[in-house]
Amino acid sequence: MQTPETRPSTDVPAVAKAYNGVDRNAFVFGLNPQAELWNGRLAMIGFLAYLVWDLAGYSVLRDVLHFIGY
């Protein structure tokens, strides 16, 4: 039987830590790994916003294609 000293820790950290010990969710300005996470999150929000906008009947792509003659 395992004692508390030899049992693996099941504590979940309160903050998602990167390998260097920096919070991966922190907004840090500049070229760094956190920038990729924020870039992906904002891209997902933008894509979803465009889908909702398109479903509402306002399509930028359809208007552009109509303008150039397709």
PDB file of N, CA and C in Angstrom:
ATOM      1  N   MET A   1       0.835  -1.172   0.000  1.00  0.00           N
ATOM      2  CA  MET A   1       0.000   0.000   0.000  1.00  0.00           C
ATOM      3  C   MET A   1       0.886   1.243   0.000  1.00  0.00           C
ATOM      4  N   GLN A   2       0.441   2.254  -0.747  1.00  0.00           N
ATOM      5  CA  GLN A   2       1.241   3.462  -0.861  1.00  0.00           C
ATOM      6  C   GLN A   2       0.935   4.419   0.275  1.00  0.00           C
ATOM      7  N   THR A   3       1.978   5.004   0.763  1.00  0.00           N
ATOM      8  CA  THR A   3       1.834   6.012   1.804  1.00  0.00           C
ATOM      9  C   THR A   3       1.677   7.374   1.146  1.00  0.00           C
ATOM     10  N   PRO A   4       1.204   8.380   1.873  1.00  0.00           N
ATOM     11  CA  PRO A   4       1.072   9.711   1.276  1.00  0.00           C
ATOM     12  C   PRO A   4       2.372  10.259   0.706  1.00  0.00           C
ATOM     13  N   GLU A   5       3.511   9.809   1.247  1.00  0.00           N
ATOM     14  CA  GLU A   5       4.789  10.312   0.750  1.00  0.00           C
ATOM     15  C   GLU A   5       5.151   9.708  -0.601  1.00  0.00           C
ATOM     16  N   THR A   6       4.721   8.469  -0.894  1.00  0.00           N
ATOM     17  CA  THR A   6       5.096   7.802  -2.142  1.00  0.00           C
ATOM     18  C   THR A   6       3.990   7.834  -3.188  1.00  0.00           C
ATOM     19  N   ARG A   7       2.801   8.246  -2.797  1.00  0.00           N
ATOM     20  CA  ARG A   7       1.687   8.286  -3.721  1.00  0.00           C
ATOM     21  C   ARG A   7       1.872   9.457  -4.690  1.00  0.00           C
ATOM     22  N   PRO A   8       1.582   9.246  -5.982  1.00  0.00           N
ATOM     23  CA  PRO A   8       1.704  10.368  -6.912  1.00  0.00           C
ATOM     24  C   PRO A   8       0.677  11.447  -6.605  1.00  0.00           C
ATOM     25  N   SER A   9       1.081  12.662  -6.833  1.00  0.00           N
ATOM     26  CA  SER A   9       0.215  13.796  -6.531  1.00  0.00           C
ATOM     27  C   SER A   9      -0.903  13.886  -7.564  1.00  0.00           C
ATOM     28  N   THR A  10      -2.120  14.091  -7.096  1.00  0.00           N
ATOM     29  CA  THR A  10      -3.265  14.257  -7.990  1.00  0.00           C
ATOM     30  C   THR A  10      -3.798  15.680  -7.927  1.00  0.00           C
ATOM     31  N   ASP A  11      -3.041  16.568  -7.305  1.00  0.00           N
ATOM     32  CA  ASP A  11      -3.473  17.962  -7.217  1.00  0.00           C
ATOM     33  C   ASP A  11      -3.400  18.609  -8.591  1.00  0.00           C
ATOM     34  N   VAL A  12      -4.468  19.271  -8.978  1.00  0.00           N
ATOM     35  CA  VAL A  12      -4.498  19.981 -10.248  1.00  0.00           C
ATOM     36  C   VAL A  12      -4.063  21.414  -9.978  1.00  0.00           C
ATOM     37  N   PRO A  13      -3.070  21.902 -10.720  1.00  0.00           N
ATOM     38  CA  PRO A  13      -2.636  23.279 -10.479  1.00  0.00           C
ATOM     39  C   PRO A  13      -3.744  24.261 -10.828  1.00  0.00           C
ATOM     40  N   ALA A  14      -3.788  25.364 -10.113  1.00  0.00           N
ATOM     41  CA  ALA A  14      -4.822  26.371 -10.325  1.00  0.00           C
ATOM     42  C   ALA A  14      -4.611  27.118 -11.640  1.00  0.00           C
ATOM     43  N   VAL A  15      -3.385  27.140 -12.138  1.00  0.00           N
ATOM     44  CA  VAL A  15      -3.060  27.874 -13.350  1.00  0.00           C
ATOM     45  C   VAL A  15      -2.325  26.925 -14.288  1.00  0.00           C
ATOM     46  N   ALA A  16      -2.677  26.963 -15.576  1.00  0.00           N
ATOM     47  CA  ALA A  16      -1.972  26.141 -16.559  1.00  0.00           C
ATOM     48  C   ALA A  16      -0.573  26.725 -16.757  1.00  0.00           C
ATOM     49  N   LYS A  17       0.431  25.979 -16.414  1.00  0.00           N
ATOM     50  CA  LYS A  17       1.807  26.469 -16.492  1.00  0.00           C
ATOM     51  C   LYS A  17       2.488  25.968 -17.752  1.00  0.00           C
ATOM     52  N   ALA A  18       3.309  26.781 -18.347  1.00  0.00           N
ATOM     53  CA  ALA A  18       4.132  26.379 -19.480  1.00  0.00           C
ATOM     54  C   ALA A  18       5.347  25.635 -18.937  1.00  0.00           C
ATOM     55  N   TYR A  19       6.171  25.145 -19.827  1.00  0.00           N
ATOM     56  CA  TYR A  19       7.338  24.395 -19.391  1.00  0.00           C
ATOM     57  C   TYR A  19       8.325  25.269 -18.632  1.00  0.00           C
ATOM     58  N   ASN A  20       8.342  26.563 -18.919  1.00  0.00           N
ATOM     59  CA  ASN A  20       9.267  27.448 -18.221  1.00  0.00           C
ATOM     60  C   ASN A  20       8.660  28.059 -16.966  1.00  0.00           C
ATOM     61  N   GLY A  21       7.449  27.622 -16.588  1.00  0.00           N
ATOM     62  CA  GLY A  21       6.839  28.102 -15.364  1.00  0.00           C
ATOM     63  C   GLY A  21       6.036  29.376 -15.518  1.00  0.00           C
ATOM     64  N   VAL A  22       5.817  29.831 -16.755  1.00  0.00           N
ATOM     65  CA  VAL A  22       5.055  31.051 -17.001  1.00  0.00           C
ATOM     66  C   VAL A  22       3.615  30.659 -17.319  1.00  0.00           C
ATOM     67  N   ASP A  23       2.676  31.436 -16.861  1.00  0.00           N
ATOM     68  CA  ASP A  23       1.268  31.173 -17.118  1.00  0.00           C
ATOM     69  C   ASP A  23       0.994  31.276 -18.614  1.00  0.00           C
ATOM     70  N   ARG A  24       0.496  30.183 -19.227  1.00  0.00           N
ATOM     71  CA  ARG A  24       0.246  30.175 -20.670  1.00  0.00           C
ATOM     72  C   ARG A  24      -0.954  31.024 -21.055  1.00  0.00           C
ATOM     73  N   ASN A  25      -1.833  31.332 -20.121  1.00  0.00           N
ATOM     74  CA  ASN A  25      -3.013  32.119 -20.427  1.00  0.00           C
ATOM     75  C   ASN A  25      -2.809  33.610 -20.224  1.00  0.00           C
ATOM     76  N   ALA A  26      -1.672  34.007 -19.729  1.00  0.00           N
ATOM     77  CA  ALA A  26      -1.403  35.426 -19.490  1.00  0.00           C
ATOM     78  C   ALA A  26      -1.230  36.147 -20.819  1.00  0.00           C
ATOM     79  N   PHE A  27      -1.727  37.376 -20.884  1.00  0.00           N
ATOM     80  CA  PHE A  27      -1.540  38.176 -22.095  1.00  0.00           C
ATOM     81  C   PHE A  27      -0.189  38.870 -21.981  1.00  0.00           C
ATOM     82  N   VAL A  28       0.767  38.403 -22.773  1.00  0.00           N
ATOM     83  CA  VAL A  28       2.114  38.962 -22.778  1.00  0.00           C
ATOM     84  C   VAL A  28       2.364  39.521 -24.168  1.00  0.00           C
ATOM     85  N   PHE A  29       2.766  40.784 -24.246  1.00  0.00           N
ATOM     86  CA  PHE A  29       2.988  41.433 -25.534  1.00  0.00           C
ATOM     87  C   PHE A  29       4.290  40.947 -26.153  1.00  0.00           C
ATOM     88  N   GLY A  30       4.299  40.733 -27.462  1.00  0.00           N
ATOM     89  CA  GLY A  30       5.511  40.356 -28.170  1.00  0.00           C
ATOM     90  C   GLY A  30       5.405  38.971 -28.781  1.00  0.00           C
ATOM     91  N   LEU A  31       6.503  38.533 -29.388  1.00  0.00           N
ATOM     92  CA  LEU A  31       6.555  37.220 -30.010  1.00  0.00           C
ATOM     93  C   LEU A  31       6.916  36.184 -28.956  1.00  0.00           C
ATOM     94  N   ASN A  32       5.946  35.384 -28.567  1.00  0.00           N
ATOM     95  CA  ASN A  32       6.166  34.380 -27.537  1.00  0.00           C
ATOM     96  C   ASN A  32       5.093  33.305 -27.695  1.00  0.00           C
ATOM     97  N   PRO A  33       5.208  32.197 -26.979  1.00  0.00           N
ATOM     98  CA  PRO A  33       4.218  31.121 -27.115  1.00  0.00           C
ATOM     99  C   PRO A  33       2.794  31.552 -26.737  1.00  0.00           C
ATOM    100  N   GLN A  34       2.653  32.490 -25.830  1.00  0.00           N
ATOM    101  CA  GLN A  34       1.328  32.951 -25.441  1.00  0.00           C
ATOM    102  C   GLN A  34       0.621  33.629 -26.614  1.00  0.00           C
ATOM    103  N   ALA A  35       1.381  34.244 -27.503  1.00  0.00           N
ATOM    104  CA  ALA A  35       0.792  34.935 -28.649  1.00  0.00           C
ATOM    105  C   ALA A  35       0.049  33.954 -29.553  1.00  0.00           C
ATOM    106  N   GLU A  36       0.566  32.741 -29.712  1.00  0.00           N
ATOM    107  CA  GLU A  36      -0.101  31.743 -30.545  1.00  0.00           C
ATOM    108  C   GLU A  36      -1.430  31.321 -29.933  1.00  0.00           C
ATOM    109  N   LEU A  37      -1.475  31.178 -28.622  1.00  0.00           N
ATOM    110  CA  LEU A  37      -2.739  30.813 -27.975  1.00  0.00           C
ATOM    111  C   LEU A  37      -3.778  31.904 -28.161  1.00  0.00           C
ATOM    112  N   TRP A  38      -3.384  33.153 -27.938  1.00  0.00           N
ATOM    113  CA  TRP A  38      -4.327  34.256 -28.094  1.00  0.00           C
ATOM    114  C   TRP A  38      -4.725  34.438 -29.556  1.00  0.00           C
ATOM    115  N   ASN A  39      -3.800  34.241 -30.476  1.00  0.00           N
ATOM    116  CA  ASN A  39      -4.107  34.358 -31.893  1.00  0.00           C
ATOM    117  C   ASN A  39      -5.159  33.320 -32.291  1.00  0.00           C
ATOM    118  N   GLY A  40      -5.004  32.099 -31.828  1.00  0.00           N
ATOM    119  CA  GLY A  40      -5.972  31.051 -32.139  1.00  0.00           C
ATOM    120  C   GLY A  40      -7.332  31.327 -31.539  1.00  0.00           C
ATOM    121  N   ARG A  41      -7.355  31.806 -30.316  1.00  0.00           N
ATOM    122  CA  ARG A  41      -8.628  32.107 -29.661  1.00  0.00           C
ATOM    123  C   ARG A  41      -9.376  33.219 -30.379  1.00  0.00           C
ATOM    124  N   LEU A  42      -8.660  34.272 -30.728  1.00  0.00           N
ATOM    125  CA  LEU A  42      -9.303  35.387 -31.421  1.00  0.00           C
ATOM    126  C   LEU A  42      -9.731  34.996 -32.834  1.00  0.00           C
ATOM    127  N   ALA A  43      -8.972  34.114 -33.490  1.00  0.00           N
ATOM    128  CA  ALA A  43      -9.363  33.639 -34.820  1.00  0.00           C
ATOM    129  C   ALA A  43     -10.645  32.825 -34.737  1.00  0.00           C
ATOM    130  N   MET A  44     -10.789  31.988 -33.703  1.00  0.00           N
ATOM    131  CA  MET A  44     -12.014  31.207 -33.536  1.00  0.00           C
ATOM    132  C   MET A  44     -13.219  32.109 -33.296  1.00  0.00           C
ATOM    133  N   ILE A  45     -13.030  33.154 -32.500  1.00  0.00           N
ATOM    134  CA  ILE A  45     -14.121  34.096 -32.240  1.00  0.00           C
ATOM    135  C   ILE A  45     -14.500  34.815 -33.536  1.00  0.00           C
ATOM    136  N   GLY A  46     -13.512  35.235 -34.324  1.00  0.00           N
ATOM    137  CA  GLY A  46     -13.786  35.915 -35.582  1.00  0.00           C
ATOM    138  C   GLY A  46     -14.483  35.019 -36.587  1.00  0.00           C
ATOM    139  N   PHE A  47     -14.069  33.768 -36.666  1.00  0.00           N
ATOM    140  CA  PHE A  47     -14.703  32.832 -37.588  1.00  0.00           C
ATOM    141  C   PHE A  47     -16.154  32.587 -37.198  1.00  0.00           C
ATOM    142  N   LEU A  48     -16.406  32.409 -35.923  1.00  0.00           N
ATOM    143  CA  LEU A  48     -17.775  32.202 -35.448  1.00  0.00           C
ATOM    144  C   LEU A  48     -18.625  33.453 -35.696  1.00  0.00           C
ATOM    145  N   ALA A  49     -18.051  34.626 -35.472  1.00  0.00           N
ATOM    146  CA  ALA A  49     -18.789  35.865 -35.714  1.00  0.00           C
ATOM    147  C   ALA A  49     -19.145  36.001 -37.191  1.00  0.00           C
ATOM    148  N   TYR A  50     -18.231  35.625 -38.089  1.00  0.00           N
ATOM    149  CA  TYR A  50     -18.542  35.705 -39.513  1.00  0.00           C
ATOM    150  C   TYR A  50     -19.637  34.708 -39.883  1.00  0.00           C
ATOM    151  N   LEU A  51     -19.609  33.494 -39.327  1.00  0.00           N
ATOM    152  CA  LEU A  51     -20.657  32.523 -39.620  1.00  0.00           C
ATOM    153  C   LEU A  51     -22.023  33.033 -39.178  1.00  0.00           C
ATOM    154  N   VAL A  52     -22.091  33.621 -37.999  1.00  0.00           N
ATOM    155  CA  VAL A  52     -23.357  34.169 -37.508  1.00  0.00           C
ATOM    156  C   VAL A  52     -23.810  35.314 -38.409  1.00  0.00           C
ATOM    157  N   TRP A  53     -22.880  36.170 -38.813  1.00  0.00           N
ATOM    158  CA  TRP A  53     -23.187  37.293 -39.700  1.00  0.00           C
ATOM    159  C   TRP A  53     -23.707  36.777 -41.045  1.00  0.00           C
ATOM    160  N   ASP A  54     -23.090  35.715 -41.570  1.00  0.00           N
ATOM    161  CA  ASP A  54     -23.500  35.143 -42.846  1.00  0.00           C
ATOM    162  C   ASP A  54     -24.879  34.491 -42.734  1.00  0.00           C
ATOM    163  N   LEU A  55     -25.145  33.790 -41.654  1.00  0.00           N
ATOM    164  CA  LEU A  55     -26.448  33.166 -41.455  1.00  0.00           C
ATOM    165  C   LEU A  55     -27.554  34.208 -41.277  1.00  0.00           C
ATOM    166  N   ALA A  56     -27.198  35.389 -40.827  1.00  0.00           N
ATOM    167  CA  ALA A  56     -28.178  36.460 -40.668  1.00  0.00           C
ATOM    168  C   ALA A  56     -28.521  37.108 -42.013  1.00  0.00           C
ATOM    169  N   GLY A  57     -27.814  36.745 -43.087  1.00  0.00           N
ATOM    170  CA  GLY A  57     -28.129  37.267 -44.413  1.00  0.00           C
ATOM    171  C   GLY A  57     -27.161  38.294 -44.943  1.00  0.00           C
ATOM    172  N   TYR A  58     -26.155  38.626 -44.178  1.00  0.00           N
ATOM    173  CA  TYR A  58     -25.171  39.618 -44.616  1.00  0.00           C
ATOM    174  C   TYR A  58     -23.884  38.891 -44.971  1.00  0.00           C
ATOM    175  N   SER A  59     -23.635  38.664 -46.247  1.00  0.00           N
ATOM    176  CA  SER A  59     -22.460  37.905 -46.649  1.00  0.00           C
ATOM    177  C   SER A  59     -21.485  38.802 -47.397  1.00  0.00           C
ATOM    178  N   VAL A  60     -20.351  39.022 -46.834  1.00  0.00           N
ATOM    179  CA  VAL A  60     -19.312  39.827 -47.477  1.00  0.00           C
ATOM    180  C   VAL A  60     -18.812  39.102 -48.726  1.00  0.00           C
ATOM    181  N   LEU A  61     -18.579  37.804 -48.624  1.00  0.00           N
ATOM    182  CA  LEU A  61     -18.069  37.045 -49.757  1.00  0.00           C
ATOM    183  C   LEU A  61     -19.078  37.049 -50.915  1.00  0.00           C
ATOM    184  N   ARG A  62     -20.347  36.852 -50.642  1.00  0.00           N
ATOM    185  CA  ARG A  62     -21.371  36.864 -51.682  1.00  0.00           C
ATOM    186  C   ARG A  62     -21.454  38.251 -52.332  1.00  0.00           C
ATOM    187  N   ASP A  63     -21.376  39.307 -51.546  1.00  0.00           N
ATOM    188  CA  ASP A  63     -21.421  40.655 -52.103  1.00  0.00           C
ATOM    189  C   ASP A  63     -20.218  40.952 -52.977  1.00  0.00           C
ATOM    190  N   VAL A  64     -19.050  40.491 -52.596  1.00  0.00           N
ATOM    191  CA  VAL A  64     -17.838  40.706 -53.397  1.00  0.00           C
ATOM    192  C   VAL A  64     -17.949  39.943 -54.704  1.00  0.00           C
ATOM    193  N   LEU A  65     -18.392  38.695 -54.656  1.00  0.00           N
ATOM    194  CA  LEU A  65     -18.520  37.906 -55.885  1.00  0.00           C
ATOM    195  C   LEU A  65     -19.569  38.524 -56.813  1.00  0.00           C
ATOM    196  N   HIS A  66     -20.639  39.037 -56.256  1.00  0.00           N
ATOM    197  CA  HIS A  66     -21.662  39.692 -57.064  1.00  0.00           C
ATOM    198  C   HIS A  66     -21.120  40.979 -57.687  1.00  0.00           C
ATOM    199  N   PHE A  67     -20.289  41.696 -56.951  1.00  0.00           N
ATOM    200  CA  PHE A  67     -19.716  42.953 -57.440  1.00  0.00           C
ATOM    201  C   PHE A  67     -18.780  42.730 -58.616  1.00  0.00           C
ATOM    202  N   ILE A  68     -17.999  41.642 -58.579  1.00  0.00           N
ATOM    203  CA  ILE A  68     -17.043  41.402 -59.678  1.00  0.00           C
ATOM    204  C   ILE A  68     -17.663  40.611 -60.816  1.00  0.00           C
ATOM    205  N   GLY A  69     -18.927  40.219 -60.703  1.00  0.00           N
ATOM    206  CA  GLY A  69     -19.622  39.631 -61.827  1.00  0.00           C
ATOM    207  C   GLY A  69     -19.786  38.123 -61.807  1.00  0.00           C
ATOM    208  N   TYR A  70     -19.541  37.477 -60.700  1.00  0.00           N
ATOM    209  CA  TYR A  70     -19.740  36.022 -60.624  1.00  0.00           C
ATOM    210  C   TYR A  70     -21.107  35.692 -60.135  1.00  0.00           C
TER     211      TYR A  70
END
